[in-house]
Amino acid sequence: MSFLRGNRRWRSLSAGLLLAAGLAHADANVIAVQSRTITRQFEAYAQVEPVAVLPVRAAQSGVLRQLEIRAGARVRAGQKLAVLGGPEIASLLAQDKSAVQSARTNLAGAQQALTIQRKQLMSHLGTRQTVLQAKGALAEAQARLDTAQARLHALQESLTVAAPANGIVLAVNVANGERIGAGQTLLSVQPAGTLWLKAPYYGTDAAAIHIGMSGQFVSADRARTVPVKVSAVFGALAPDGSQSVGLVATTPSPGWLNGESGTVTLNGPTRSLVAVPTRALILDRGQWWVLVRTDNGYRPQAVVPGPSRGWQTFIERGLKPGTHVLVENAYLEFHRGVSRHYQPPD
């Protein structure tokens, strides 16, 4: 009898140890979730583009000459790039020069007439009225000469094709000896220091972007990281449903290259959300769940997942801090017993 009683005690002790081990193992698979501070981030593909491209147009119709610049060349503001010539230009020059010469002749005649009227006034052979009339004619002749000279100077200036700003020539659309028309685009210049980022954002992300938001741009080859801020939100949807956002570097000389691409990440507002290990989430029939430990076992709890960081997922709604959540094999525990209710097809 004593042997049986001792055997029973041993079995009870063994069962207790096994139960304690099972509870300890269960506790190791359960964690008390906590709130953490998270900054919402908005990520998008971005490309470096010029803020503006300056077209260099012909001011007059004529024949292009002395064009020696090529695409990719760096130019300075006011640098001579080409000149305009040809019969039409020669005719305009001759006409304006003739107008200047005629105005000079008229001015000389008006000056001589005024001198004569003044002498006659001193000799009492003229009147003050005639002197005033001679002065008016002289002023008019001077104005005509000034106008003719300004027109000739403007024409001469317009015959020189010059760089509008410091920058890089992006394209050359014409060739030496080509006949061009007034207003025709000859070259395109990208002004120096006018590169920025263009990034498309979609849906609710696009609505949350505003001017002044900061972030960083990482080039596709990860060779450089540049801090940026939003300087423009275009407010118009593209055909693909995106909204373009313009960003500028917040550091001088970011070293961008036109056409360079990468990823831009903007920092939004900071919030406090409950974080759970991503492996604790269960997707069932379009709804996300976690298993919450209670005194009566595990209970499914519906949640709304938010952003993820590494192996953690932040919960927007459905979970409070301090709740004990099953982490390991949560999916298997959630679907425990399904096989007992499964009926094979006929």
C-alpha atoms as a PDB file:
ATOM      1  CA  MET A   1       0.000   0.000   0.000  1.00  0.00           C
ATOM      2  CA  SER A   2       2.808   2.372   0.850  1.00  0.00           C
ATOM      3  CA  PHE A   3       4.283   1.612  -2.555  1.00  0.00           C
ATOM      4  CA  LEU A   4       0.994   2.588  -4.270  1.00  0.00           C
ATOM      5  CA  ARG A   5       0.719   5.779  -2.251  1.00  0.00           C
ATOM      6  CA  GLY A   6       4.286   6.713  -3.156  1.00  0.00           C
ATOM      7  CA  ASN A   7       3.587   5.976  -6.810  1.00  0.00           C
ATOM      8  CA  ARG A   8       0.545   8.213  -6.753  1.00  0.00           C
ATOM      9  CA  ARG A   9       2.562  11.014  -5.171  1.00  0.00           C
ATOM     10  CA  TRP A  10       5.214  10.662  -7.865  1.00  0.00           C
ATOM     11  CA  ARG A  11       2.617  10.823 -10.641  1.00  0.00           C
ATOM     12  CA  SER A  12       1.001  13.930  -9.079  1.00  0.00           C
ATOM     13  CA  LEU A  13       4.375  15.602  -8.739  1.00  0.00           C
ATOM     14  CA  SER A  14       5.252  14.751 -12.344  1.00  0.00           C
ATOM     15  CA  ALA A  15       1.948  16.108 -13.588  1.00  0.00           C
ATOM     16  CA  GLY A  16       2.484  19.322 -11.627  1.00  0.00           C
ATOM     17  CA  LEU A  17       5.955  19.752 -13.039  1.00  0.00           C
ATOM     18  CA  LEU A  18       4.677  19.183 -16.578  1.00  0.00           C
ATOM     19  CA  LEU A  19       1.858  21.686 -16.061  1.00  0.00           C
ATOM     20  CA  ALA A  20       4.282  24.249 -14.651  1.00  0.00           C
ATOM     21  CA  ALA A  21       6.599  23.701 -17.602  1.00  0.00           C
ATOM     22  CA  GLY A  22       3.684  24.150 -20.020  1.00  0.00           C
ATOM     23  CA  LEU A  23       2.642  27.397 -18.349  1.00  0.00           C
ATOM     24  CA  ALA A  24       6.215  28.656 -18.406  1.00  0.00           C
ATOM     25  CA  HIS A  25       6.414  27.796 -22.109  1.00  0.00           C
ATOM     26  CA  ALA A  26       3.103  29.565 -22.730  1.00  0.00           C
ATOM     27  CA  ASP A  27       4.307  32.685 -20.898  1.00  0.00           C
ATOM     28  CA  ALA A  28       7.398  32.726 -23.066  1.00  0.00           C
ATOM     29  CA  ASN A  29       5.133  32.945 -26.135  1.00  0.00           C
ATOM     30  CA  VAL A  30       3.028  35.814 -24.740  1.00  0.00           C
ATOM     31  CA  ILE A  31       4.066  39.451 -24.394  1.00  0.00           C
ATOM     32  CA  ALA A  32       2.428  42.504 -22.859  1.00  0.00           C
ATOM     33  CA  VAL A  33       2.217  45.023 -25.687  1.00  0.00           C
ATOM     34  CA  GLN A  34       3.320  48.602 -25.047  1.00  0.00           C
ATOM     35  CA  SER A  35       2.805  51.988 -26.664  1.00  0.00           C
ATOM     36  CA  ARG A  36       5.642  53.451 -28.674  1.00  0.00           C
ATOM     37  CA  THR A  37       6.188  56.788 -30.346  1.00  0.00           C
ATOM     38  CA  ILE A  38       6.208  56.619 -34.131  1.00  0.00           C
ATOM     39  CA  THR A  39       6.642  59.271 -36.798  1.00  0.00           C
ATOM     40  CA  ARG A  40       4.448  58.674 -39.819  1.00  0.00           C
ATOM     41  CA  GLN A  41       6.533  58.545 -42.958  1.00  0.00           C
ATOM     42  CA  PHE A  42       5.603  59.060 -46.601  1.00  0.00           C
ATOM     43  CA  GLU A  43       7.836  57.325 -49.122  1.00  0.00           C
ATOM     44  CA  ALA A  44       7.857  57.825 -52.887  1.00  0.00           C
ATOM     45  CA  TYR A  45      10.030  57.527 -55.971  1.00  0.00           C
ATOM     46  CA  ALA A  46      11.702  60.826 -56.841  1.00  0.00           C
ATOM     47  CA  GLN A  47      13.743  62.219 -59.701  1.00  0.00           C
ATOM     48  CA  VAL A  48      15.999  65.245 -59.969  1.00  0.00           C
ATOM     49  CA  GLU A  49      14.714  67.776 -62.513  1.00  0.00           C
ATOM     50  CA  PRO A  50      15.405  71.424 -63.395  1.00  0.00           C
ATOM     51  CA  VAL A  51      13.060  73.897 -61.777  1.00  0.00           C
ATOM     52  CA  ALA A  52      12.985  75.684 -65.149  1.00  0.00           C
ATOM     53  CA  VAL A  53      14.674  75.493 -68.533  1.00  0.00           C
ATOM     54  CA  LEU A  54      15.421  78.770 -70.316  1.00  0.00           C
ATOM     55  CA  PRO A  55      14.797  78.777 -74.073  1.00  0.00           C
ATOM     56  CA  VAL A  56      17.116  80.969 -76.161  1.00  0.00           C
ATOM     57  CA  ARG A  57      15.097  82.371 -79.073  1.00  0.00           C
ATOM     58  CA  ALA A  58      16.005  84.340 -82.177  1.00  0.00           C
ATOM     59  CA  ALA A  59      14.953  87.972 -81.994  1.00  0.00           C
ATOM     60  CA  GLN A  60      15.117  88.461 -85.783  1.00  0.00           C
ATOM     61  CA  SER A  61      14.712  86.383 -88.912  1.00  0.00           C
ATOM     62  CA  GLY A  62      17.972  85.622 -90.647  1.00  0.00           C
ATOM     63  CA  VAL A  63      20.829  83.177 -91.174  1.00  0.00           C
ATOM     64  CA  LEU A  64      22.594  81.685 -88.144  1.00  0.00           C
ATOM     65  CA  ARG A  65      26.366  82.105 -88.037  1.00  0.00           C
ATOM     66  CA  GLN A  66      29.316  81.500 -85.686  1.00  0.00           C
ATOM     67  CA  LEU A  67      27.449  78.841 -83.690  1.00  0.00           C
ATOM     68  CA  GLU A  68      30.147  76.832 -81.942  1.00  0.00           C
ATOM     69  CA  ILE A  69      28.448  75.806 -78.690  1.00  0.00           C
ATOM     70  CA  ARG A  70      27.400  72.173 -78.082  1.00  0.00           C
ATOM     71  CA  ALA A  71      24.936  70.465 -75.759  1.00  0.00           C
ATOM     72  CA  GLY A  72      26.470  69.914 -72.330  1.00  0.00           C
ATOM     73  CA  ALA A  73      28.667  73.011 -72.465  1.00  0.00           C
ATOM     74  CA  ARG A  74      28.722  75.339 -69.491  1.00  0.00           C
ATOM     75  CA  VAL A  75      27.950  78.960 -70.323  1.00  0.00           C
ATOM     76  CA  ARG A  76      28.075  82.305 -68.513  1.00  0.00           C
ATOM     77  CA  ALA A  77      25.351  84.936 -68.469  1.00  0.00           C
ATOM     78  CA  GLY A  78      25.778  87.203 -71.500  1.00  0.00           C
ATOM     79  CA  GLN A  79      28.240  84.880 -73.241  1.00  0.00           C
ATOM     80  CA  LYS A  80      28.087  85.143 -77.041  1.00  0.00           C
ATOM     81  CA  LEU A  81      26.773  81.904 -78.537  1.00  0.00           C
ATOM     82  CA  ALA A  82      26.076  82.851 -82.177  1.00  0.00           C
ATOM     83  CA  VAL A  83      25.175  85.782 -84.462  1.00  0.00           C
ATOM     84  CA  LEU A  84      22.436  86.452 -87.003  1.00  0.00           C
ATOM     85  CA  GLY A  85      23.162  87.646 -90.543  1.00  0.00           C
ATOM     86  CA  GLY A  86      21.924  87.389 -94.099  1.00  0.00           C
ATOM     87  CA  PRO A  87      20.238  89.735 -96.609  1.00  0.00           C
ATOM     88  CA  GLU A  88      17.287  90.543 -94.362  1.00  0.00           C
ATOM     89  CA  ILE A  89      19.550  91.570 -91.511  1.00  0.00           C
ATOM     90  CA  ALA A  90      21.727  93.660 -93.840  1.00  0.00           C
ATOM     91  CA  SER A  91      18.626  95.469 -95.141  1.00  0.00           C
ATOM     92  CA  LEU A  92      17.396  96.238 -91.614  1.00  0.00           C
ATOM     93  CA  LEU A  93      20.825  97.530 -90.599  1.00  0.00           C
ATOM     94  CA  ALA A  94      21.060  99.766 -93.657  1.00  0.00           C
ATOM     95  CA  GLN A  95      17.576 101.137 -93.019  1.00  0.00           C
ATOM     96  CA  ASP A  96      18.257 101.953 -89.364  1.00  0.00           C
ATOM     97  CA  LYS A  97      21.671 103.460 -90.111  1.00  0.00           C
ATOM     98  CA  SER A  98      20.105 105.657 -92.772  1.00  0.00           C
ATOM     99  CA  ALA A  99      17.459 106.775 -90.249  1.00  0.00           C
ATOM    100  CA  VAL A 100      20.206 107.731 -87.781  1.00  0.00           C
ATOM    101  CA  GLN A 101      22.101 109.705 -90.420  1.00  0.00           C
ATOM    102  CA  SER A 102      18.967 111.524 -91.499  1.00  0.00           C
ATOM    103  CA  ALA A 103      18.158 112.371 -87.859  1.00  0.00           C
ATOM    104  CA  ARG A 104      21.675 113.731 -87.354  1.00  0.00           C
ATOM    105  CA  THR A 105      21.304 115.932 -90.444  1.00  0.00           C
ATOM    106  CA  ASN A 106      17.984 117.265 -89.183  1.00  0.00           C
ATOM    107  CA  LEU A 107      19.499 117.923 -85.758  1.00  0.00           C
ATOM    108  CA  ALA A 108      22.362 119.876 -87.288  1.00  0.00           C
ATOM    109  CA  GLY A 109      19.854 121.970 -89.305  1.00  0.00           C
ATOM    110  CA  ALA A 110      17.771 122.634 -86.152  1.00  0.00           C
ATOM    111  CA  GLN A 111      20.871 123.732 -84.242  1.00  0.00           C
ATOM    112  CA  GLN A 112      21.850 126.098 -87.042  1.00  0.00           C
ATOM    113  CA  ALA A 113      18.327 127.529 -87.238  1.00  0.00           C
ATOM    114  CA  LEU A 114      18.302 128.195 -83.485  1.00  0.00           C
ATOM    115  CA  THR A 115      21.661 129.977 -83.723  1.00  0.00           C
ATOM    116  CA  ILE A 116      20.340 132.221 -86.499  1.00  0.00           C
ATOM    117  CA  GLN A 117      17.151 133.088 -84.558  1.00  0.00           C
ATOM    118  CA  ARG A 118      19.136 134.016 -81.487  1.00  0.00           C
ATOM    119  CA  LYS A 119      21.397 136.361 -83.505  1.00  0.00           C
ATOM    120  CA  GLN A 120      18.352 137.972 -85.106  1.00  0.00           C
ATOM    121  CA  LEU A 121      16.807 138.475 -81.682  1.00  0.00           C
ATOM    122  CA  MET A 122      19.939 140.261 -80.512  1.00  0.00           C
ATOM    123  CA  SER A 123      19.831 142.458 -83.638  1.00  0.00           C
ATOM    124  CA  HIS A 124      16.122 143.118 -83.082  1.00  0.00           C
ATOM    125  CA  LEU A 125      15.373 141.406 -86.386  1.00  0.00           C
ATOM    126  CA  GLY A 126      13.540 138.511 -84.719  1.00  0.00           C
ATOM    127  CA  THR A 127      11.184 137.814 -81.841  1.00  0.00           C
ATOM    128  CA  ARG A 128      11.230 135.637 -78.770  1.00  0.00           C
ATOM    129  CA  GLN A 129       8.449 133.563 -80.317  1.00  0.00           C
ATOM    130  CA  THR A 130      10.632 132.533 -83.236  1.00  0.00           C
ATOM    131  CA  VAL A 131      13.454 131.621 -80.839  1.00  0.00           C
ATOM    132  CA  LEU A 132      11.065 129.422 -78.823  1.00  0.00           C
ATOM    133  CA  GLN A 133       9.881 127.749 -82.002  1.00  0.00           C
ATOM    134  CA  ALA A 134      13.490 127.054 -83.018  1.00  0.00           C
ATOM    135  CA  LYS A 135      14.176 125.532 -79.590  1.00  0.00           C
ATOM    136  CA  GLY A 136      11.125 123.274 -79.954  1.00  0.00           C
ATOM    137  CA  ALA A 137      12.293 122.132 -83.387  1.00  0.00           C
ATOM    138  CA  LEU A 138      15.755 121.409 -81.955  1.00  0.00           C
ATOM    139  CA  ALA A 139      14.291 119.308 -79.096  1.00  0.00           C
ATOM    140  CA  GLU A 140      12.155 117.383 -81.552  1.00  0.00           C
ATOM    141  CA  ALA A 141      15.145 116.721 -83.826  1.00  0.00           C
ATOM    142  CA  GLN A 142      17.174 115.491 -80.811  1.00  0.00           C
ATOM    143  CA  ALA A 143      14.376 113.147 -79.773  1.00  0.00           C
ATOM    144  CA  ARG A 144      14.185 111.699 -83.293  1.00  0.00           C
ATOM    145  CA  LEU A 145      17.943 111.118 -83.290  1.00  0.00           C
ATOM    146  CA  ASP A 146      17.775 109.411 -79.864  1.00  0.00           C
ATOM    147  CA  THR A 147      14.969 107.155 -81.095  1.00  0.00           C
ATOM    148  CA  ALA A 148      16.798 106.240 -84.303  1.00  0.00           C
ATOM    149  CA  GLN A 149      20.014 105.466 -82.400  1.00  0.00           C
ATOM    150  CA  ALA A 150      18.155 103.357 -79.836  1.00  0.00           C
ATOM    151  CA  ARG A 151      16.458 101.384 -82.629  1.00  0.00           C
ATOM    152  CA  LEU A 152      19.807 100.788 -84.347  1.00  0.00           C
ATOM    153  CA  HIS A 153      21.440  99.740 -81.047  1.00  0.00           C
ATOM    154  CA  ALA A 154      18.569  97.352 -80.228  1.00  0.00           C
ATOM    155  CA  LEU A 155      18.842  95.777 -83.674  1.00  0.00           C
ATOM    156  CA  GLN A 156      22.577  95.324 -83.326  1.00  0.00           C
ATOM    157  CA  GLU A 157      22.112  93.786 -79.870  1.00  0.00           C
ATOM    158  CA  SER A 158      19.425  91.418 -81.134  1.00  0.00           C
ATOM    159  CA  LEU A 159      21.783  90.012 -83.755  1.00  0.00           C
ATOM    160  CA  THR A 160      23.942  88.465 -81.032  1.00  0.00           C
ATOM    161  CA  VAL A 161      22.617  85.244 -79.497  1.00  0.00           C
ATOM    162  CA  ALA A 162      23.740  85.316 -75.828  1.00  0.00           C
ATOM    163  CA  ALA A 163      23.350  83.010 -72.827  1.00  0.00           C
ATOM    164  CA  PRO A 164      20.523  84.252 -70.575  1.00  0.00           C
ATOM    165  CA  ALA A 165      22.144  82.933 -67.356  1.00  0.00           C
ATOM    166  CA  ASN A 166      24.956  80.840 -65.949  1.00  0.00           C
ATOM    167  CA  GLY A 167      24.180  77.208 -66.620  1.00  0.00           C
ATOM    168  CA  ILE A 168      24.463  74.195 -68.908  1.00  0.00           C
ATOM    169  CA  VAL A 169      23.282  73.937 -72.510  1.00  0.00           C
ATOM    170  CA  LEU A 170      20.754  71.105 -72.586  1.00  0.00           C
ATOM    171  CA  ALA A 171      19.952  71.119 -76.302  1.00  0.00           C
ATOM    172  CA  VAL A 172      21.000  72.830 -79.531  1.00  0.00           C
ATOM    173  CA  ASN A 173      18.149  72.843 -82.056  1.00  0.00           C
ATOM    174  CA  VAL A 174      19.812  74.553 -85.036  1.00  0.00           C
ATOM    175  CA  ALA A 175      23.026  74.507 -87.081  1.00  0.00           C
ATOM    176  CA  ASN A 176      25.331  77.042 -88.665  1.00  0.00           C
ATOM    177  CA  GLY A 177      24.002  78.438 -91.956  1.00  0.00           C
ATOM    178  CA  GLU A 178      20.399  77.547 -91.136  1.00  0.00           C
ATOM    179  CA  ARG A 179      17.723  80.082 -91.936  1.00  0.00           C
ATOM    180  CA  ILE A 180      15.646  80.801 -88.854  1.00  0.00           C
ATOM    181  CA  GLY A 181      12.567  82.839 -88.048  1.00  0.00           C
ATOM    182  CA  ALA A 182      11.952  85.438 -85.364  1.00  0.00           C
ATOM    183  CA  GLY A 183      10.992  83.746 -82.085  1.00  0.00           C
ATOM    184  CA  GLN A 184      12.401  80.340 -83.058  1.00  0.00           C
ATOM    185  CA  THR A 185      14.045  78.426 -80.189  1.00  0.00           C
ATOM    186  CA  LEU A 186      17.736  77.965 -80.885  1.00  0.00           C
ATOM    187  CA  LEU A 187      19.022  76.462 -77.621  1.00  0.00           C
ATOM    188  CA  SER A 188      17.839  75.418 -74.159  1.00  0.00           C
ATOM    189  CA  VAL A 189      19.840  76.341 -71.058  1.00  0.00           C
ATOM    190  CA  GLN A 190      19.470  74.863 -67.592  1.00  0.00           C
ATOM    191  CA  PRO A 191      20.326  77.639 -65.102  1.00  0.00           C
ATOM    192  CA  ALA A 192      22.950  76.736 -62.506  1.00  0.00           C
ATOM    193  CA  GLY A 193      21.666  75.785 -59.050  1.00  0.00           C
ATOM    194  CA  THR A 194      18.039  75.300 -60.120  1.00  0.00           C
ATOM    195  CA  LEU A 195      17.648  71.531 -59.662  1.00  0.00           C
ATOM    196  CA  TRP A 196      14.989  70.075 -57.398  1.00  0.00           C
ATOM    197  CA  LEU A 197      13.135  66.812 -56.781  1.00  0.00           C
ATOM    198  CA  LYS A 198       9.785  65.816 -58.256  1.00  0.00           C
ATOM    199  CA  ALA A 199       7.967  63.004 -56.432  1.00  0.00           C
ATOM    200  CA  PRO A 200       4.478  61.541 -57.053  1.00  0.00           C
ATOM    201  CA  TYR A 201       2.292  60.678 -54.051  1.00  0.00           C
ATOM    202  CA  TYR A 202      -1.005  58.798 -54.136  1.00  0.00           C
ATOM    203  CA  GLY A 203      -4.271  58.605 -52.210  1.00  0.00           C
ATOM    204  CA  THR A 204      -4.321  59.625 -48.559  1.00  0.00           C
ATOM    205  CA  ASP A 205      -0.562  60.155 -48.626  1.00  0.00           C
ATOM    206  CA  ALA A 206      -0.975  62.883 -51.249  1.00  0.00           C
ATOM    207  CA  ALA A 207      -3.606  64.631 -49.116  1.00  0.00           C
ATOM    208  CA  ALA A 208      -1.278  64.636 -46.085  1.00  0.00           C
ATOM    209  CA  ILE A 209       1.697  66.263 -47.840  1.00  0.00           C
ATOM    210  CA  HIS A 210       2.102  69.992 -47.230  1.00  0.00           C
ATOM    211  CA  ILE A 211       4.702  72.681 -47.820  1.00  0.00           C
ATOM    212  CA  GLY A 212       7.443  72.734 -45.196  1.00  0.00           C
ATOM    213  CA  MET A 213       7.527  68.993 -44.457  1.00  0.00           C
ATOM    214  CA  SER A 214      11.075  67.688 -44.113  1.00  0.00           C
ATOM    215  CA  GLY A 215      12.694  64.381 -44.972  1.00  0.00           C
ATOM    216  CA  GLN A 216      15.575  62.912 -46.895  1.00  0.00           C
ATOM    217  CA  PHE A 217      16.403  61.772 -50.408  1.00  0.00           C
ATOM    218  CA  VAL A 218      18.470  58.625 -50.934  1.00  0.00           C
ATOM    219  CA  SER A 219      19.908  58.141 -54.426  1.00  0.00           C
ATOM    220  CA  ALA A 220      19.211  54.877 -56.225  1.00  0.00           C
ATOM    221  CA  ASP A 221      22.806  53.738 -55.801  1.00  0.00           C
ATOM    222  CA  ARG A 222      22.694  54.871 -52.136  1.00  0.00           C
ATOM    223  CA  ALA A 223      25.805  56.918 -52.788  1.00  0.00           C
ATOM    224  CA  ARG A 224      24.317  60.044 -51.208  1.00  0.00           C
ATOM    225  CA  THR A 225      21.668  61.079 -48.729  1.00  0.00           C
ATOM    226  CA  VAL A 226      20.374  64.651 -48.968  1.00  0.00           C
ATOM    227  CA  PRO A 227      18.047  66.357 -46.456  1.00  0.00           C
ATOM    228  CA  VAL A 228      15.092  67.952 -48.251  1.00  0.00           C
ATOM    229  CA  LYS A 229      11.892  69.858 -47.598  1.00  0.00           C
ATOM    230  CA  VAL A 230       8.657  70.294 -49.539  1.00  0.00           C
ATOM    231  CA  SER A 231       8.605  73.596 -51.421  1.00  0.00           C
ATOM    232  CA  ALA A 232       5.627  73.030 -53.735  1.00  0.00           C
ATOM    233  CA  VAL A 233       2.483  70.890 -53.840  1.00  0.00           C
ATOM    234  CA  PHE A 234       1.017  71.098 -57.324  1.00  0.00           C
ATOM    235  CA  GLY A 235      -2.577  70.356 -56.309  1.00  0.00           C
ATOM    236  CA  ALA A 236      -3.498  68.658 -59.594  1.00  0.00           C
ATOM    237  CA  LEU A 237      -3.838  64.942 -60.234  1.00  0.00           C
ATOM    238  CA  ALA A 238      -1.882  63.240 -63.005  1.00  0.00           C
ATOM    239  CA  PRO A 239      -3.601  60.667 -65.267  1.00  0.00           C
ATOM    240  CA  ASP A 240      -2.341  57.880 -62.972  1.00  0.00           C
ATOM    241  CA  GLY A 241      -3.986  59.507 -59.947  1.00  0.00           C
ATOM    242  CA  SER A 242      -0.804  60.859 -58.398  1.00  0.00           C
ATOM    243  CA  GLN A 243      -0.063  64.356 -57.173  1.00  0.00           C
ATOM    244  CA  SER A 244       3.371  65.821 -57.846  1.00  0.00           C
ATOM    245  CA  VAL A 245       5.389  67.351 -55.041  1.00  0.00           C
ATOM    246  CA  GLY A 246       8.458  69.566 -55.477  1.00  0.00           C
ATOM    247  CA  LEU A 247      11.303  69.344 -52.956  1.00  0.00           C
ATOM    248  CA  VAL A 248      14.490  71.339 -52.510  1.00  0.00           C
ATOM    249  CA  ALA A 249      17.691  70.481 -50.684  1.00  0.00           C
ATOM    250  CA  THR A 250      18.178  72.076 -47.273  1.00  0.00           C
ATOM    251  CA  THR A 251      21.963  71.957 -47.575  1.00  0.00           C
ATOM    252  CA  PRO A 252      24.071  73.941 -50.052  1.00  0.00           C
ATOM    253  CA  SER A 253      25.605  72.090 -53.008  1.00  0.00           C
ATOM    254  CA  PRO A 254      23.727  68.776 -52.686  1.00  0.00           C
ATOM    255  CA  GLY A 255      25.614  67.400 -55.697  1.00  0.00           C
ATOM    256  CA  TRP A 256      22.482  66.405 -57.622  1.00  0.00           C
ATOM    257  CA  LEU A 257      22.605  65.450 -61.283  1.00  0.00           C
ATOM    258  CA  ASN A 258      19.778  66.161 -63.688  1.00  0.00           C
ATOM    259  CA  GLY A 259      17.825  62.917 -64.197  1.00  0.00           C
ATOM    260  CA  GLU A 260      19.160  61.233 -61.051  1.00  0.00           C
ATOM    261  CA  SER A 261      16.540  59.102 -59.285  1.00  0.00           C
ATOM    262  CA  GLY A 262      16.037  57.595 -55.870  1.00  0.00           C
ATOM    263  CA  THR A 263      13.654  57.455 -52.916  1.00  0.00           C
ATOM    264  CA  VAL A 264      12.385  60.371 -50.866  1.00  0.00           C
ATOM    265  CA  THR A 265      10.967  59.826 -47.376  1.00  0.00           C
ATOM    266  CA  LEU A 266       9.023  62.619 -45.680  1.00  0.00           C
ATOM    267  CA  ASN A 267       8.376  62.817 -41.945  1.00  0.00           C
ATOM    268  CA  GLY A 268       4.792  63.386 -40.866  1.00  0.00           C
ATOM    269  CA  PRO A 269       3.255  63.887 -37.407  1.00  0.00           C
ATOM    270  CA  THR A 270       4.423  61.896 -34.381  1.00  0.00           C
ATOM    271  CA  ARG A 271       1.913  59.569 -32.697  1.00  0.00           C
ATOM    272  CA  SER A 272       1.811  57.033 -29.843  1.00  0.00           C
ATOM    273  CA  LEU A 273       0.594  53.597 -31.004  1.00  0.00           C
ATOM    274  CA  VAL A 274       0.644  50.077 -29.601  1.00  0.00           C
ATOM    275  CA  ALA A 275       3.339  47.933 -31.216  1.00  0.00           C
ATOM    276  CA  VAL A 276       3.113  44.144 -31.674  1.00  0.00           C
ATOM    277  CA  PRO A 277       5.488  41.694 -33.365  1.00  0.00           C
ATOM    278  CA  THR A 278       4.293  41.295 -36.946  1.00  0.00           C
ATOM    279  CA  ARG A 279       4.183  37.496 -36.562  1.00  0.00           C
ATOM    280  CA  ALA A 280       1.412  37.903 -33.960  1.00  0.00           C
ATOM    281  CA  LEU A 281      -1.018  39.205 -36.622  1.00  0.00           C
ATOM    282  CA  ILE A 282      -3.537  36.839 -38.202  1.00  0.00           C
ATOM    283  CA  LEU A 283      -5.458  37.532 -41.409  1.00  0.00           C
ATOM    284  CA  ASP A 284      -8.815  35.774 -41.655  1.00  0.00           C
ATOM    285  CA  ARG A 285     -11.528  36.578 -44.217  1.00  0.00           C
ATOM    286  CA  GLY A 286     -10.245  40.080 -44.819  1.00  0.00           C
ATOM    287  CA  GLN A 287      -9.925  40.987 -41.127  1.00  0.00           C
ATOM    288  CA  TRP A 288      -6.782  41.214 -39.005  1.00  0.00           C
ATOM    289  CA  TRP A 289      -6.740  39.587 -35.561  1.00  0.00           C
ATOM    290  CA  VAL A 290      -4.485  38.937 -32.597  1.00  0.00           C
ATOM    291  CA  LEU A 291      -4.970  36.368 -29.841  1.00  0.00           C
ATOM    292  CA  VAL A 292      -5.393  37.984 -26.422  1.00  0.00           C
ATOM    293  CA  ARG A 293      -4.722  35.865 -23.333  1.00  0.00           C
ATOM    294  CA  THR A 294      -7.531  35.827 -20.749  1.00  0.00           C
ATOM    295  CA  ASP A 295      -8.276  33.775 -17.639  1.00  0.00           C
ATOM    296  CA  ASN A 296     -10.353  31.446 -19.821  1.00  0.00           C
ATOM    297  CA  GLY A 297      -7.752  31.008 -22.574  1.00  0.00           C
ATOM    298  CA  TYR A 298      -7.050  32.906 -25.784  1.00  0.00           C
ATOM    299  CA  ARG A 299      -9.634  35.224 -27.315  1.00  0.00           C
ATOM    300  CA  PRO A 300      -9.493  36.631 -30.873  1.00  0.00           C
ATOM    301  CA  GLN A 301      -9.320  40.429 -30.951  1.00  0.00           C
ATOM    302  CA  ALA A 302      -9.955  42.375 -34.175  1.00  0.00           C
ATOM    303  CA  VAL A 303      -7.337  45.063 -34.887  1.00  0.00           C
ATOM    304  CA  VAL A 304      -6.504  47.593 -37.575  1.00  0.00           C
ATOM    305  CA  PRO A 305      -2.767  47.447 -38.447  1.00  0.00           C
ATOM    306  CA  GLY A 306      -0.882  50.627 -39.229  1.00  0.00           C
ATOM    307  CA  PRO A 307       2.697  51.251 -40.362  1.00  0.00           C
ATOM    308  CA  SER A 308       5.490  48.738 -39.846  1.00  0.00           C
ATOM    309  CA  ARG A 309       9.037  49.282 -38.633  1.00  0.00           C
ATOM    310  CA  GLY A 310      11.355  46.309 -38.924  1.00  0.00           C
ATOM    311  CA  TRP A 311       9.684  43.306 -37.237  1.00  0.00           C
ATOM    312  CA  GLN A 312       7.120  45.462 -35.441  1.00  0.00           C
ATOM    313  CA  THR A 313       3.671  46.535 -36.636  1.00  0.00           C
ATOM    314  CA  PHE A 314       1.846  49.452 -35.040  1.00  0.00           C
ATOM    315  CA  ILE A 315      -1.870  49.047 -34.336  1.00  0.00           C
ATOM    316  CA  GLU A 316      -4.169  51.908 -35.264  1.00  0.00           C
ATOM    317  CA  ARG A 317      -7.254  50.570 -33.418  1.00  0.00           C
ATOM    318  CA  GLY A 318      -8.355  47.562 -31.386  1.00  0.00           C
ATOM    319  CA  LEU A 319      -5.585  47.066 -28.828  1.00  0.00           C
ATOM    320  CA  LYS A 320      -4.683  48.731 -25.541  1.00  0.00           C
ATOM    321  CA  PRO A 321      -1.272  48.952 -23.857  1.00  0.00           C
ATOM    322  CA  GLY A 322      -0.583  46.168 -21.379  1.00  0.00           C
ATOM    323  CA  THR A 323      -2.721  43.589 -23.197  1.00  0.00           C
ATOM    324  CA  HIS A 324      -1.127  40.117 -23.285  1.00  0.00           C
ATOM    325  CA  VAL A 325      -0.872  38.880 -26.865  1.00  0.00           C
ATOM    326  CA  LEU A 326       0.197  35.471 -28.147  1.00  0.00           C
ATOM    327  CA  VAL A 327       3.234  35.816 -30.415  1.00  0.00           C
ATOM    328  CA  GLU A 328       4.443  32.321 -31.336  1.00  0.00           C
ATOM    329  CA  ASN A 329       2.274  30.041 -33.500  1.00  0.00           C
ATOM    330  CA  ALA A 330      -0.621  32.490 -33.254  1.00  0.00           C
ATOM    331  CA  TYR A 331      -1.987  31.431 -36.628  1.00  0.00           C
ATOM    332  CA  LEU A 332      -2.073  27.747 -35.627  1.00  0.00           C
ATOM    333  CA  GLU A 333      -3.763  28.532 -32.317  1.00  0.00           C
ATOM    334  CA  PHE A 334      -6.336  30.738 -34.062  1.00  0.00           C
ATOM    335  CA  HIS A 335      -7.294  27.923 -36.440  1.00  0.00           C
ATOM    336  CA  ARG A 336      -7.097  25.116 -33.901  1.00  0.00           C
ATOM    337  CA  GLY A 337      -9.947  22.664 -34.323  1.00  0.00           C
ATOM    338  CA  VAL A 338     -10.638  23.482 -37.980  1.00  0.00           C
ATOM    339  CA  SER A 339      -9.644  19.965 -39.002  1.00  0.00           C
ATOM    340  CA  ARG A 340     -12.286  18.450 -36.705  1.00  0.00           C
ATOM    341  CA  HIS A 341     -15.020  20.340 -38.535  1.00  0.00           C
ATOM    342  CA  TYR A 342     -13.625  19.748 -41.993  1.00  0.00           C
ATOM    343  CA  GLN A 343     -15.750  17.569 -44.290  1.00  0.00           C
ATOM    344  CA  PRO A 344     -14.089  16.139 -47.353  1.00  0.00           C
ATOM    345  CA  PRO A 345     -15.891  16.762 -50.646  1.00  0.00           C
ATOM    346  CA  ASP A 346     -18.091  13.996 -52.046  1.00  0.00           C
END
